[in-house]
Amino acid sequence: MKTAVIFFFAVLSEVTATTALKFSEGFTKWIPSLVVVVGYGLSFYLLSLSLKELPLGAAYALWSGIGIVLTVIAGMLIWREPMDWARGIGIFLIMLGIVIVNLFSKSPAH
């Protein structure tokens, strides 16, 4: 349970940092730029802690896949980025992959 909470915050930190990256306008705005640096640093630190118990491949696949989905949702909500059929199918396939990894992977934890 503790590892799942740490992993959740690793993903949340990554999504926050990626969202702030757009707000930083090429690192010309210092507050969003600081959020980017701190967010990515925290995300990688928390991911490294969760890797003490999670297998590397599965953890990274889930971290990046969930991050992609949440970042796309943030883009749609904050910047009104459109959802076309290709984006929708791609996101669906990423989510399907996350479900498959969680339900069927037999990768042993440490």
PDB file of N, CA and C in Angstrom:
ATOM      1  N   MET A   1       0.823  -1.201   0.000  1.00  0.00           N
ATOM      2  CA  MET A   1       0.000   0.000   0.000  1.00  0.00           C
ATOM      3  C   MET A   1       0.863   1.260   0.000  1.00  0.00           C
ATOM      4  N   LYS A   2       1.888   1.277   0.843  1.00  0.00           N
ATOM      5  CA  LYS A   2       2.766   2.436   0.922  1.00  0.00           C
ATOM      6  C   LYS A   2       3.436   2.710  -0.433  1.00  0.00           C
ATOM      7  N   THR A   3       3.871   1.648  -1.090  1.00  0.00           N
ATOM      8  CA  THR A   3       4.508   1.801  -2.400  1.00  0.00           C
ATOM      9  C   THR A   3       3.530   2.378  -3.414  1.00  0.00           C
ATOM     10  N   ALA A   4       2.282   1.962  -3.368  1.00  0.00           N
ATOM     11  CA  ALA A   4       1.270   2.471  -4.293  1.00  0.00           C
ATOM     12  C   ALA A   4       1.051   3.967  -4.091  1.00  0.00           C
ATOM     13  N   VAL A   5       1.061   4.416  -2.844  1.00  0.00           N
ATOM     14  CA  VAL A   5       0.875   5.846  -2.552  1.00  0.00           C
ATOM     15  C   VAL A   5       2.075   6.637  -3.059  1.00  0.00           C
ATOM     16  N   ILE A   6       3.279   6.120  -2.817  1.00  0.00           N
ATOM     17  CA  ILE A   6       4.493   6.780  -3.301  1.00  0.00           C
ATOM     18  C   ILE A   6       4.461   6.851  -4.826  1.00  0.00           C
ATOM     19  N   PHE A   7       4.078   5.749  -5.459  1.00  0.00           N
ATOM     20  CA  PHE A   7       4.013   5.701  -6.923  1.00  0.00           C
ATOM     21  C   PHE A   7       2.980   6.693  -7.457  1.00  0.00           C
ATOM     22  N   PHE A   8       1.820   6.777  -6.801  1.00  0.00           N
ATOM     23  CA  PHE A   8       0.779   7.718  -7.194  1.00  0.00           C
ATOM     24  C   PHE A   8       1.321   9.150  -7.187  1.00  0.00           C
ATOM     25  N   PHE A   9       2.040   9.514  -6.130  1.00  0.00           N
ATOM     26  CA  PHE A   9       2.582  10.864  -6.051  1.00  0.00           C
ATOM     27  C   PHE A   9       3.726  11.088  -7.040  1.00  0.00           C
ATOM     28  N   ALA A  10       4.427  10.024  -7.418  1.00  0.00           N
ATOM     29  CA  ALA A  10       5.444  10.142  -8.469  1.00  0.00           C
ATOM     30  C   ALA A  10       4.776  10.529  -9.791  1.00  0.00           C
ATOM     31  N   VAL A  11       3.667   9.866 -10.109  1.00  0.00           N
ATOM     32  CA  VAL A  11       2.929  10.179 -11.338  1.00  0.00           C
ATOM     33  C   VAL A  11       2.339  11.585 -11.260  1.00  0.00           C
ATOM     34  N   LEU A  12       1.736  11.916 -10.141  1.00  0.00           N
ATOM     35  CA  LEU A  12       1.129  13.234  -9.965  1.00  0.00           C
ATOM     36  C   LEU A  12       2.179  14.351 -10.090  1.00  0.00           C
ATOM     37  N   SER A  13       3.346  14.143  -9.538  1.00  0.00           N
ATOM     38  CA  SER A  13       4.430  15.128  -9.650  1.00  0.00           C
ATOM     39  C   SER A  13       4.879  15.291 -11.095  1.00  0.00           C
ATOM     40  N   GLU A  14       4.950  14.180 -11.817  1.00  0.00           N
ATOM     41  CA  GLU A  14       5.363  14.232 -13.219  1.00  0.00           C
ATOM     42  C   GLU A  14       4.339  14.985 -14.065  1.00  0.00           C
ATOM     43  N   VAL A  15       3.069  14.723 -13.833  1.00  0.00           N
ATOM     44  CA  VAL A  15       2.012  15.408 -14.587  1.00  0.00           C
ATOM     45  C   VAL A  15       1.996  16.903 -14.248  1.00  0.00           C
ATOM     46  N   THR A  16       2.176  17.234 -12.994  1.00  0.00           N
ATOM     47  CA  THR A  16       2.239  18.638 -12.577  1.00  0.00           C
ATOM     48  C   THR A  16       3.414  19.339 -13.253  1.00  0.00           C
ATOM     49  N   ALA A  17       4.579  18.692 -13.264  1.00  0.00           N
ATOM     50  CA  ALA A  17       5.764  19.282 -13.892  1.00  0.00           C
ATOM     51  C   ALA A  17       5.568  19.460 -15.396  1.00  0.00           C
ATOM     52  N   THR A  18       4.982  18.472 -16.041  1.00  0.00           N
ATOM     53  CA  THR A  18       4.756  18.563 -17.484  1.00  0.00           C
ATOM     54  C   THR A  18       3.761  19.668 -17.813  1.00  0.00           C
ATOM     55  N   THR A  19       2.728  19.798 -17.003  1.00  0.00           N
ATOM     56  CA  THR A  19       1.755  20.871 -17.207  1.00  0.00           C
ATOM     57  C   THR A  19       2.414  22.230 -16.993  1.00  0.00           C
ATOM     58  N   ALA A  20       3.243  22.340 -15.964  1.00  0.00           N
ATOM     59  CA  ALA A  20       3.950  23.593 -15.697  1.00  0.00           C
ATOM     60  C   ALA A  20       4.937  23.929 -16.819  1.00  0.00           C
ATOM     61  N   LEU A  21       5.412  22.899 -17.514  1.00  0.00           N
ATOM     62  CA  LEU A  21       6.345  23.128 -18.624  1.00  0.00           C
ATOM     63  C   LEU A  21       5.717  24.019 -19.692  1.00  0.00           C
ATOM     64  N   LYS A  22       4.452  23.804 -19.976  1.00  0.00           N
ATOM     65  CA  LYS A  22       3.760  24.654 -20.947  1.00  0.00           C
ATOM     66  C   LYS A  22       3.586  26.064 -20.383  1.00  0.00           C
ATOM     67  N   PHE A  23       3.233  26.165 -19.111  1.00  0.00           N
ATOM     68  CA  PHE A  23       3.076  27.475 -18.478  1.00  0.00           C
ATOM     69  C   PHE A  23       4.391  28.251 -18.393  1.00  0.00           C
ATOM     70  N   SER A  24       5.530  27.534 -18.385  1.00  0.00           N
ATOM     71  CA  SER A  24       6.828  28.205 -18.242  1.00  0.00           C
ATOM     72  C   SER A  24       7.222  29.000 -19.488  1.00  0.00           C
ATOM     73  N   GLU A  25       6.547  28.732 -20.601  1.00  0.00           N
ATOM     74  CA  GLU A  25       6.818  29.416 -21.878  1.00  0.00           C
ATOM     75  C   GLU A  25       8.308  29.413 -22.206  1.00  0.00           C
ATOM     76  N   GLY A  26       8.839  28.178 -22.271  1.00  0.00           N
ATOM     77  CA  GLY A  26      10.248  28.027 -22.623  1.00  0.00           C
ATOM     78  C   GLY A  26      11.184  28.474 -21.511  1.00  0.00           C
ATOM     79  N   PHE A  27      10.773  28.272 -20.282  1.00  0.00           N
ATOM     80  CA  PHE A  27      11.533  28.660 -19.095  1.00  0.00           C
ATOM     81  C   PHE A  27      11.749  30.170 -19.003  1.00  0.00           C
ATOM     82  N   THR A  28      10.815  30.937 -19.539  1.00  0.00           N
ATOM     83  CA  THR A  28      10.901  32.400 -19.428  1.00  0.00           C
ATOM     84  C   THR A  28      10.095  32.922 -18.241  1.00  0.00           C
ATOM     85  N   LYS A  29       9.245  32.095 -17.662  1.00  0.00           N
ATOM     86  CA  LYS A  29       8.471  32.471 -16.473  1.00  0.00           C
ATOM     87  C   LYS A  29       9.036  31.669 -15.308  1.00  0.00           C
ATOM     88  N   TRP A  30       9.512  32.366 -14.286  1.00  0.00           N
ATOM     89  CA  TRP A  30      10.290  31.674 -13.257  1.00  0.00           C
ATOM     90  C   TRP A  30       9.472  30.804 -12.320  1.00  0.00           C
ATOM     91  N   ILE A  31       8.249  31.151 -11.975  1.00  0.00           N
ATOM     92  CA  ILE A  31       7.474  30.308 -11.052  1.00  0.00           C
ATOM     93  C   ILE A  31       7.099  28.974 -11.704  1.00  0.00           C
ATOM     94  N   PRO A  32       6.526  28.981 -12.919  1.00  0.00           N
ATOM     95  CA  PRO A  32       6.265  27.678 -13.548  1.00  0.00           C
ATOM     96  C   PRO A  32       7.556  26.890 -13.810  1.00  0.00           C
ATOM     97  N   SER A  33       8.638  27.591 -14.113  1.00  0.00           N
ATOM     98  CA  SER A  33       9.921  26.907 -14.336  1.00  0.00           C
ATOM     99  C   SER A  33      10.393  26.213 -13.067  1.00  0.00           C
ATOM    100  N   LEU A  34      10.208  26.854 -11.928  1.00  0.00           N
ATOM    101  CA  LEU A  34      10.562  26.254 -10.649  1.00  0.00           C
ATOM    102  C   LEU A  34       9.693  25.028 -10.370  1.00  0.00           C
ATOM    103  N   VAL A  35       8.404  25.122 -10.706  1.00  0.00           N
ATOM    104  CA  VAL A  35       7.496  23.973 -10.539  1.00  0.00           C
ATOM    105  C   VAL A  35       7.967  22.808 -11.412  1.00  0.00           C
ATOM    106  N   VAL A  36       8.444  23.099 -12.623  1.00  0.00           N
ATOM    107  CA  VAL A  36       8.953  22.053 -13.516  1.00  0.00           C
ATOM    108  C   VAL A  36      10.135  21.333 -12.869  1.00  0.00           C
ATOM    109  N   VAL A  37      11.111  22.093 -12.427  1.00  0.00           N
ATOM    110  CA  VAL A  37      12.332  21.502 -11.867  1.00  0.00           C
ATOM    111  C   VAL A  37      12.026  20.709 -10.595  1.00  0.00           C
ATOM    112  N   VAL A  38      11.264  21.302  -9.688  1.00  0.00           N
ATOM    113  CA  VAL A  38      10.922  20.620  -8.431  1.00  0.00           C
ATOM    114  C   VAL A  38      10.023  19.410  -8.714  1.00  0.00           C
ATOM    115  N   GLY A  39       9.056  19.584  -9.607  1.00  0.00           N
ATOM    116  CA  GLY A  39       8.129  18.493  -9.916  1.00  0.00           C
ATOM    117  C   GLY A  39       8.818  17.288 -10.523  1.00  0.00           C
ATOM    118  N   TYR A  40       9.694  17.510 -11.506  1.00  0.00           N
ATOM    119  CA  TYR A  40      10.413  16.382 -12.102  1.00  0.00           C
ATOM    120  C   TYR A  40      11.375  15.756 -11.100  1.00  0.00           C
ATOM    121  N   GLY A  41      12.061  16.593 -10.312  1.00  0.00           N
ATOM    122  CA  GLY A  41      12.966  16.054  -9.302  1.00  0.00           C
ATOM    123  C   GLY A  41      12.227  15.179  -8.302  1.00  0.00           C
ATOM    124  N   LEU A  42      11.098  15.672  -7.802  1.00  0.00           N
ATOM    125  CA  LEU A  42      10.291  14.907  -6.856  1.00  0.00           C
ATOM    126  C   LEU A  42       9.746  13.636  -7.495  1.00  0.00           C
ATOM    127  N   SER A  43       9.318  13.752  -8.737  1.00  0.00           N
ATOM    128  CA  SER A  43       8.757  12.602  -9.433  1.00  0.00           C
ATOM    129  C   SER A  43       9.790  11.487  -9.568  1.00  0.00           C
ATOM    130  N   PHE A  44      10.994  11.838 -10.011  1.00  0.00           N
ATOM    131  CA  PHE A  44      12.030  10.814 -10.170  1.00  0.00           C
ATOM    132  C   PHE A  44      12.469  10.252  -8.817  1.00  0.00           C
ATOM    133  N   TYR A  45      12.521  11.086  -7.797  1.00  0.00           N
ATOM    134  CA  TYR A  45      12.873  10.593  -6.465  1.00  0.00           C
ATOM    135  C   TYR A  45      11.827   9.593  -5.972  1.00  0.00           C
ATOM    136  N   LEU A  46      10.547   9.953  -6.080  1.00  0.00           N
ATOM    137  CA  LEU A  46       9.485   9.053  -5.632  1.00  0.00           C
ATOM    138  C   LEU A  46       9.429   7.779  -6.474  1.00  0.00           C
ATOM    139  N   LEU A  47       9.665   7.918  -7.778  1.00  0.00           N
ATOM    140  CA  LEU A  47       9.710   6.725  -8.632  1.00  0.00           C
ATOM    141  C   LEU A  47      10.842   5.811  -8.185  1.00  0.00           C
ATOM    142  N   SER A  48      11.992   6.389  -7.853  1.00  0.00           N
ATOM    143  CA  SER A  48      13.120   5.562  -7.403  1.00  0.00           C
ATOM    144  C   SER A  48      12.788   4.829  -6.104  1.00  0.00           C
ATOM    145  N   LEU A  49      12.035   5.474  -5.212  1.00  0.00           N
ATOM    146  CA  LEU A  49      11.619   4.795  -3.980  1.00  0.00           C
ATOM    147  C   LEU A  49      10.677   3.634  -4.272  1.00  0.00           C
ATOM    148  N   SER A  50       9.757   3.850  -5.199  1.00  0.00           N
ATOM    149  CA  SER A  50       8.799   2.785  -5.517  1.00  0.00           C
ATOM    150  C   SER A  50       9.475   1.612  -6.224  1.00  0.00           C
ATOM    151  N   LEU A  51      10.615   1.874  -6.875  1.00  0.00           N
ATOM    152  CA  LEU A  51      11.326   0.797  -7.569  1.00  0.00           C
ATOM    153  C   LEU A  51      12.007  -0.177  -6.602  1.00  0.00           C
ATOM    154  N   LYS A  52      12.024   0.148  -5.324  1.00  0.00           N
ATOM    155  CA  LYS A  52      12.540  -0.803  -4.336  1.00  0.00           C
ATOM    156  C   LYS A  52      11.652  -2.042  -4.265  1.00  0.00           C
ATOM    157  N   GLU A  53      10.376  -1.878  -4.626  1.00  0.00           N
ATOM    158  CA  GLU A  53       9.442  -2.999  -4.565  1.00  0.00           C
ATOM    159  C   GLU A  53       8.787  -3.343  -5.900  1.00  0.00           C
ATOM    160  N   LEU A  54       8.771  -2.409  -6.833  1.00  0.00           N
ATOM    161  CA  LEU A  54       8.122  -2.657  -8.126  1.00  0.00           C
ATOM    162  C   LEU A  54       9.158  -3.032  -9.180  1.00  0.00           C
ATOM    163  N   PRO A  55       8.802  -3.901 -10.120  1.00  0.00           N
ATOM    164  CA  PRO A  55       9.708  -4.216 -11.219  1.00  0.00           C
ATOM    165  C   PRO A  55       9.870  -2.998 -12.135  1.00  0.00           C
ATOM    166  N   LEU A  56      11.084  -2.757 -12.578  1.00  0.00           N
ATOM    167  CA  LEU A  56      11.414  -1.558 -13.353  1.00  0.00           C
ATOM    168  C   LEU A  56      10.530  -1.389 -14.583  1.00  0.00           C
ATOM    169  N   GLY A  57      10.436  -2.405 -15.418  1.00  0.00           N
ATOM    170  CA  GLY A  57       9.690  -2.287 -16.675  1.00  0.00           C
ATOM    171  C   GLY A  57       8.228  -1.967 -16.462  1.00  0.00           C
ATOM    172  N   ALA A  58       7.595  -2.691 -15.557  1.00  0.00           N
ATOM    173  CA  ALA A  58       6.169  -2.461 -15.297  1.00  0.00           C
ATOM    174  C   ALA A  58       5.952  -1.087 -14.676  1.00  0.00           C
ATOM    175  N   ALA A  59       6.814  -0.707 -13.719  1.00  0.00           N
ATOM    176  CA  ALA A  59       6.659   0.592 -13.060  1.00  0.00           C
ATOM    177  C   ALA A  59       6.826   1.731 -14.063  1.00  0.00           C
ATOM    178  N   TYR A  60       7.834   1.644 -14.907  1.00  0.00           N
ATOM    179  CA  TYR A  60       8.060   2.727 -15.864  1.00  0.00           C
ATOM    180  C   TYR A  60       6.930   2.787 -16.892  1.00  0.00           C
ATOM    181  N   ALA A  61       6.456   1.631 -17.331  1.00  0.00           N
ATOM    182  CA  ALA A  61       5.343   1.605 -18.288  1.00  0.00           C
ATOM    183  C   ALA A  61       4.102   2.252 -17.675  1.00  0.00           C
ATOM    184  N   LEU A  62       3.808   1.930 -16.434  1.00  0.00           N
ATOM    185  CA  LEU A  62       2.642   2.506 -15.773  1.00  0.00           C
ATOM    186  C   LEU A  62       2.843   3.994 -15.503  1.00  0.00           C
ATOM    187  N   TRP A  63       4.026   4.367 -15.021  1.00  0.00           N
ATOM    188  CA  TRP A  63       4.333   5.773 -14.715  1.00  0.00           C
ATOM    189  C   TRP A  63       4.175   6.639 -15.966  1.00  0.00           C
ATOM    190  N   SER A  64       4.765   6.185 -17.056  1.00  0.00           N
ATOM    191  CA  SER A  64       4.682   6.993 -18.278  1.00  0.00           C
ATOM    192  C   SER A  64       3.289   6.922 -18.907  1.00  0.00           C
ATOM    193  N   GLY A  65       2.654   5.760 -18.904  1.00  0.00           N
ATOM    194  CA  GLY A  65       1.328   5.622 -19.504  1.00  0.00           C
ATOM    195  C   GLY A  65       0.265   6.427 -18.778  1.00  0.00           C
ATOM    196  N   ILE A  66       0.245   6.319 -17.461  1.00  0.00           N
ATOM    197  CA  ILE A  66      -0.724   7.095 -16.681  1.00  0.00           C
ATOM    198  C   ILE A  66      -0.424   8.581 -16.833  1.00  0.00           C
ATOM    199  N   GLY A  67       0.870   8.925 -16.839  1.00  0.00           N
ATOM    200  CA  GLY A  67       1.262  10.324 -17.032  1.00  0.00           C
ATOM    201  C   GLY A  67       0.803  10.880 -18.368  1.00  0.00           C
ATOM    202  N   ILE A  68       0.920  10.081 -19.414  1.00  0.00           N
ATOM    203  CA  ILE A  68       0.468  10.513 -20.741  1.00  0.00           C
ATOM    204  C   ILE A  68      -1.032  10.785 -20.730  1.00  0.00           C
ATOM    205  N   VAL A  69      -1.789   9.843 -20.199  1.00  0.00           N
ATOM    206  CA  VAL A  69      -3.247   9.996 -20.184  1.00  0.00           C
ATOM    207  C   VAL A  69      -3.654  11.235 -19.387  1.00  0.00           C
ATOM    208  N   LEU A  70      -3.089  11.407 -18.199  1.00  0.00           N
ATOM    209  CA  LEU A  70      -3.444  12.564 -17.372  1.00  0.00           C
ATOM    210  C   LEU A  70      -2.986  13.881 -17.997  1.00  0.00           C
ATOM    211  N   THR A  71      -1.849  13.874 -18.669  1.00  0.00           N
ATOM    212  CA  THR A  71      -1.367  15.084 -19.325  1.00  0.00           C
ATOM    213  C   THR A  71      -2.255  15.461 -20.504  1.00  0.00           C
ATOM    214  N   VAL A  72      -2.720  14.484 -21.246  1.00  0.00           N
ATOM    215  CA  VAL A  72      -3.657  14.763 -22.347  1.00  0.00           C
ATOM    216  C   VAL A  72      -4.947  15.352 -21.789  1.00  0.00           C
ATOM    217  N   ILE A  73      -5.432  14.795 -20.692  1.00  0.00           N
ATOM    218  CA  ILE A  73      -6.648  15.329 -20.071  1.00  0.00           C
ATOM    219  C   ILE A  73      -6.411  16.766 -19.612  1.00  0.00           C
ATOM    220  N   ALA A  74      -5.259  17.033 -19.001  1.00  0.00           N
ATOM    221  CA  ALA A  74      -4.929  18.402 -18.571  1.00  0.00           C
ATOM    222  C   ALA A  74      -4.906  19.347 -19.764  1.00  0.00           C
ATOM    223  N   GLY A  75      -4.312  18.914 -20.873  1.00  0.00           N
ATOM    224  CA  GLY A  75      -4.279  19.743 -22.075  1.00  0.00           C
ATOM    225  C   GLY A  75      -5.664  20.058 -22.608  1.00  0.00           C
ATOM    226  N   MET A  76      -6.541  19.072 -22.540  1.00  0.00           N
ATOM    227  CA  MET A  76      -7.906  19.285 -23.014  1.00  0.00           C
ATOM    228  C   MET A  76      -8.661  20.256 -22.097  1.00  0.00           C
ATOM    229  N   LEU A  77      -8.462  20.123 -20.778  1.00  0.00           N
ATOM    230  CA  LEU A  77      -9.195  20.960 -19.827  1.00  0.00           C
ATOM    231  C   LEU A  77      -8.632  22.379 -19.739  1.00  0.00           C
ATOM    232  N   ILE A  78      -7.315  22.503 -19.734  1.00  0.00           N
ATOM    233  CA  ILE A  78      -6.691  23.814 -19.512  1.00  0.00           C
ATOM    234  C   ILE A  78      -6.559  24.607 -20.811  1.00  0.00           C
ATOM    235  N   TRP A  79      -6.086  23.952 -21.882  1.00  0.00           N
ATOM    236  CA  TRP A  79      -5.826  24.674 -23.137  1.00  0.00           C
ATOM    237  C   TRP A  79      -6.831  24.339 -24.236  1.00  0.00           C
ATOM    238  N   ARG A  80      -7.874  23.605 -23.883  1.00  0.00           N
ATOM    239  CA  ARG A  80      -8.931  23.257 -24.844  1.00  0.00           C
ATOM    240  C   ARG A  80      -8.373  22.542 -26.083  1.00  0.00           C
ATOM    241  N   GLU A  81      -7.349  21.698 -25.856  1.00  0.00           N
ATOM    242  CA  GLU A  81      -6.797  20.921 -26.969  1.00  0.00           C
ATOM    243  C   GLU A  81      -7.852  19.925 -27.435  1.00  0.00           C
ATOM    244  N   PRO A  82      -8.048  19.810 -28.739  1.00  0.00           N
ATOM    245  CA  PRO A  82      -9.128  18.953 -29.245  1.00  0.00           C
ATOM    246  C   PRO A  82      -8.809  17.460 -29.129  1.00  0.00           C
ATOM    247  N   MET A  83      -9.867  16.677 -29.060  1.00  0.00           N
ATOM    248  CA  MET A  83      -9.751  15.226 -29.067  1.00  0.00           C
ATOM    249  C   MET A  83     -10.248  14.742 -30.423  1.00  0.00           C
ATOM    250  N   ASP A  84      -9.325  14.256 -31.256  1.00  0.00           N
ATOM    251  CA  ASP A  84      -9.737  13.688 -32.536  1.00  0.00           C
ATOM    252  C   ASP A  84      -9.711  12.163 -32.419  1.00  0.00           C
ATOM    253  N   TRP A  85     -10.102  11.486 -33.480  1.00  0.00           N
ATOM    254  CA  TRP A  85     -10.229  10.036 -33.416  1.00  0.00           C
ATOM    255  C   TRP A  85      -8.880   9.365 -33.164  1.00  0.00           C
ATOM    256  N   ALA A  86      -7.811   9.862 -33.770  1.00  0.00           N
ATOM    257  CA  ALA A  86      -6.497   9.234 -33.610  1.00  0.00           C
ATOM    258  C   ALA A  86      -6.010   9.369 -32.162  1.00  0.00           C
ATOM    259  N   ARG A  87      -6.179  10.554 -31.596  1.00  0.00           N
ATOM    260  CA  ARG A  87      -5.790  10.769 -30.203  1.00  0.00           C
ATOM    261  C   ARG A  87      -6.630   9.894 -29.275  1.00  0.00           C
ATOM    262  N   GLY A  88      -7.920   9.824 -29.547  1.00  0.00           N
ATOM    263  CA  GLY A  88      -8.806   9.007 -28.722  1.00  0.00           C
ATOM    264  C   GLY A  88      -8.434   7.537 -28.754  1.00  0.00           C
ATOM    265  N   ILE A  89      -8.176   7.004 -29.946  1.00  0.00           N
ATOM    266  CA  ILE A  89      -7.789   5.595 -30.056  1.00  0.00           C
ATOM    267  C   ILE A  89      -6.440   5.358 -29.385  1.00  0.00           C
ATOM    268  N   GLY A  90      -5.499   6.267 -29.590  1.00  0.00           N
ATOM    269  CA  GLY A  90      -4.183   6.128 -28.968  1.00  0.00           C
ATOM    270  C   GLY A  90      -4.272   6.112 -27.453  1.00  0.00           C
ATOM    271  N   ILE A  91      -5.050   7.018 -26.885  1.00  0.00           N
ATOM    272  CA  ILE A  91      -5.204   7.071 -25.433  1.00  0.00           C
ATOM    273  C   ILE A  91      -5.919   5.819 -24.929  1.00  0.00           C
ATOM    274  N   PHE A  92      -6.921   5.368 -25.667  1.00  0.00           N
ATOM    275  CA  PHE A  92      -7.607   4.132 -25.297  1.00  0.00           C
ATOM    276  C   PHE A  92      -6.627   2.961 -25.259  1.00  0.00           C
ATOM    277  N   LEU A  93      -5.749   2.880 -26.250  1.00  0.00           N
ATOM    278  CA  LEU A  93      -4.778   1.783 -26.292  1.00  0.00           C
ATOM    279  C   LEU A  93      -3.774   1.875 -25.140  1.00  0.00           C
ATOM    280  N   ILE A  94      -3.385   3.086 -24.785  1.00  0.00           N
ATOM    281  CA  ILE A  94      -2.500   3.247 -23.625  1.00  0.00           C
ATOM    282  C   ILE A  94      -3.199   2.768 -22.357  1.00  0.00           C
ATOM    283  N   MET A  95      -4.454   3.182 -22.178  1.00  0.00           N
ATOM    284  CA  MET A  95      -5.200   2.753 -20.992  1.00  0.00           C
ATOM    285  C   MET A  95      -5.403   1.240 -20.992  1.00  0.00           C
ATOM    286  N   LEU A  96      -5.670   0.661 -22.163  1.00  0.00           N
ATOM    287  CA  LEU A  96      -5.808  -0.786 -22.262  1.00  0.00           C
ATOM    288  C   LEU A  96      -4.501  -1.467 -21.857  1.00  0.00           C
ATOM    289  N   GLY A  97      -3.383  -0.912 -22.291  1.00  0.00           N
ATOM    290  CA  GLY A  97      -2.088  -1.461 -21.909  1.00  0.00           C
ATOM    291  C   GLY A  97      -1.862  -1.405 -20.413  1.00  0.00           C
ATOM    292  N   ILE A  98      -2.264  -0.313 -19.783  1.00  0.00           N
ATOM    293  CA  ILE A  98      -2.141  -0.181 -18.326  1.00  0.00           C
ATOM    294  C   ILE A  98      -2.968  -1.261 -17.625  1.00  0.00           C
ATOM    295  N   VAL A  99      -4.175  -1.476 -18.105  1.00  0.00           N
ATOM    296  CA  VAL A  99      -5.043  -2.504 -17.518  1.00  0.00           C
ATOM    297  C   VAL A  99      -4.428  -3.887 -17.707  1.00  0.00           C
ATOM    298  N   ILE A 100      -3.929  -4.167 -18.884  1.00  0.00           N
ATOM    299  CA  ILE A 100      -3.325  -5.483 -19.164  1.00  0.00           C
ATOM    300  C   ILE A 100      -2.119  -5.725 -18.264  1.00  0.00           C
ATOM    301  N   VAL A 101      -1.255  -4.723 -18.131  1.00  0.00           N
ATOM    302  CA  VAL A 101      -0.082  -4.876 -17.264  1.00  0.00           C
ATOM    303  C   VAL A 101      -0.516  -5.141 -15.827  1.00  0.00           C
ATOM    304  N   ASN A 102      -1.501  -4.397 -15.347  1.00  0.00           N
ATOM    305  CA  ASN A 102      -1.942  -4.564 -13.959  1.00  0.00           C
ATOM    306  C   ASN A 102      -2.650  -5.889 -13.712  1.00  0.00           C
ATOM    307  N   LEU A 103      -3.430  -6.337 -14.651  1.00  0.00           N
ATOM    308  CA  LEU A 103      -4.224  -7.550 -14.431  1.00  0.00           C
ATOM    309  C   LEU A 103      -3.484  -8.839 -14.752  1.00  0.00           C
ATOM    310  N   PHE A 104      -2.624  -8.820 -15.756  1.00  0.00           N
ATOM    311  CA  PHE A 104      -2.092 -10.079 -16.260  1.00  0.00           C
ATOM    312  C   PHE A 104      -0.586 -10.258 -16.122  1.00  0.00           C
ATOM    313  N   SER A 105       0.145  -9.215 -15.768  1.00  0.00           N
ATOM    314  CA  SER A 105       1.599  -9.350 -15.670  1.00  0.00           C
ATOM    315  C   SER A 105       1.973 -10.250 -14.503  1.00  0.00           C
ATOM    316  N   LYS A 106       2.887 -11.129 -14.736  1.00  0.00           N
ATOM    317  CA  LYS A 106       3.393 -12.031 -13.684  1.00  0.00           C
ATOM    318  C   LYS A 106       4.784 -11.599 -13.241  1.00  0.00           C
ATOM    319  N   SER A 107       5.194 -10.366 -13.568  1.00  0.00           N
ATOM    320  CA  SER A 107       6.509  -9.879 -13.161  1.00  0.00           C
ATOM    321  C   SER A 107       6.589  -9.863 -11.641  1.00  0.00           C
ATOM    322  N   PRO A 108       7.602 -10.520 -11.113  1.00  0.00           N
ATOM    323  CA  PRO A 108       7.723 -10.549  -9.652  1.00  0.00           C
ATOM    324  C   PRO A 108       8.238  -9.209  -9.121  1.00  0.00           C
ATOM    325  N   ALA A 109       7.749  -8.828  -7.968  1.00  0.00           N
ATOM    326  CA  ALA A 109       8.284  -7.665  -7.280  1.00  0.00           C
ATOM    327  C   ALA A 109       9.522  -8.099  -6.518  1.00  0.00           C
ATOM    328  N   HIS A 110      10.309  -7.149  -6.086  1.00  0.00           N
ATOM    329  CA  HIS A 110      11.543  -7.474  -5.355  1.00  0.00           C
ATOM    330  C   HIS A 110      11.223  -8.021  -3.995  1.00  0.00           C
TER     331      HIS A 110
END
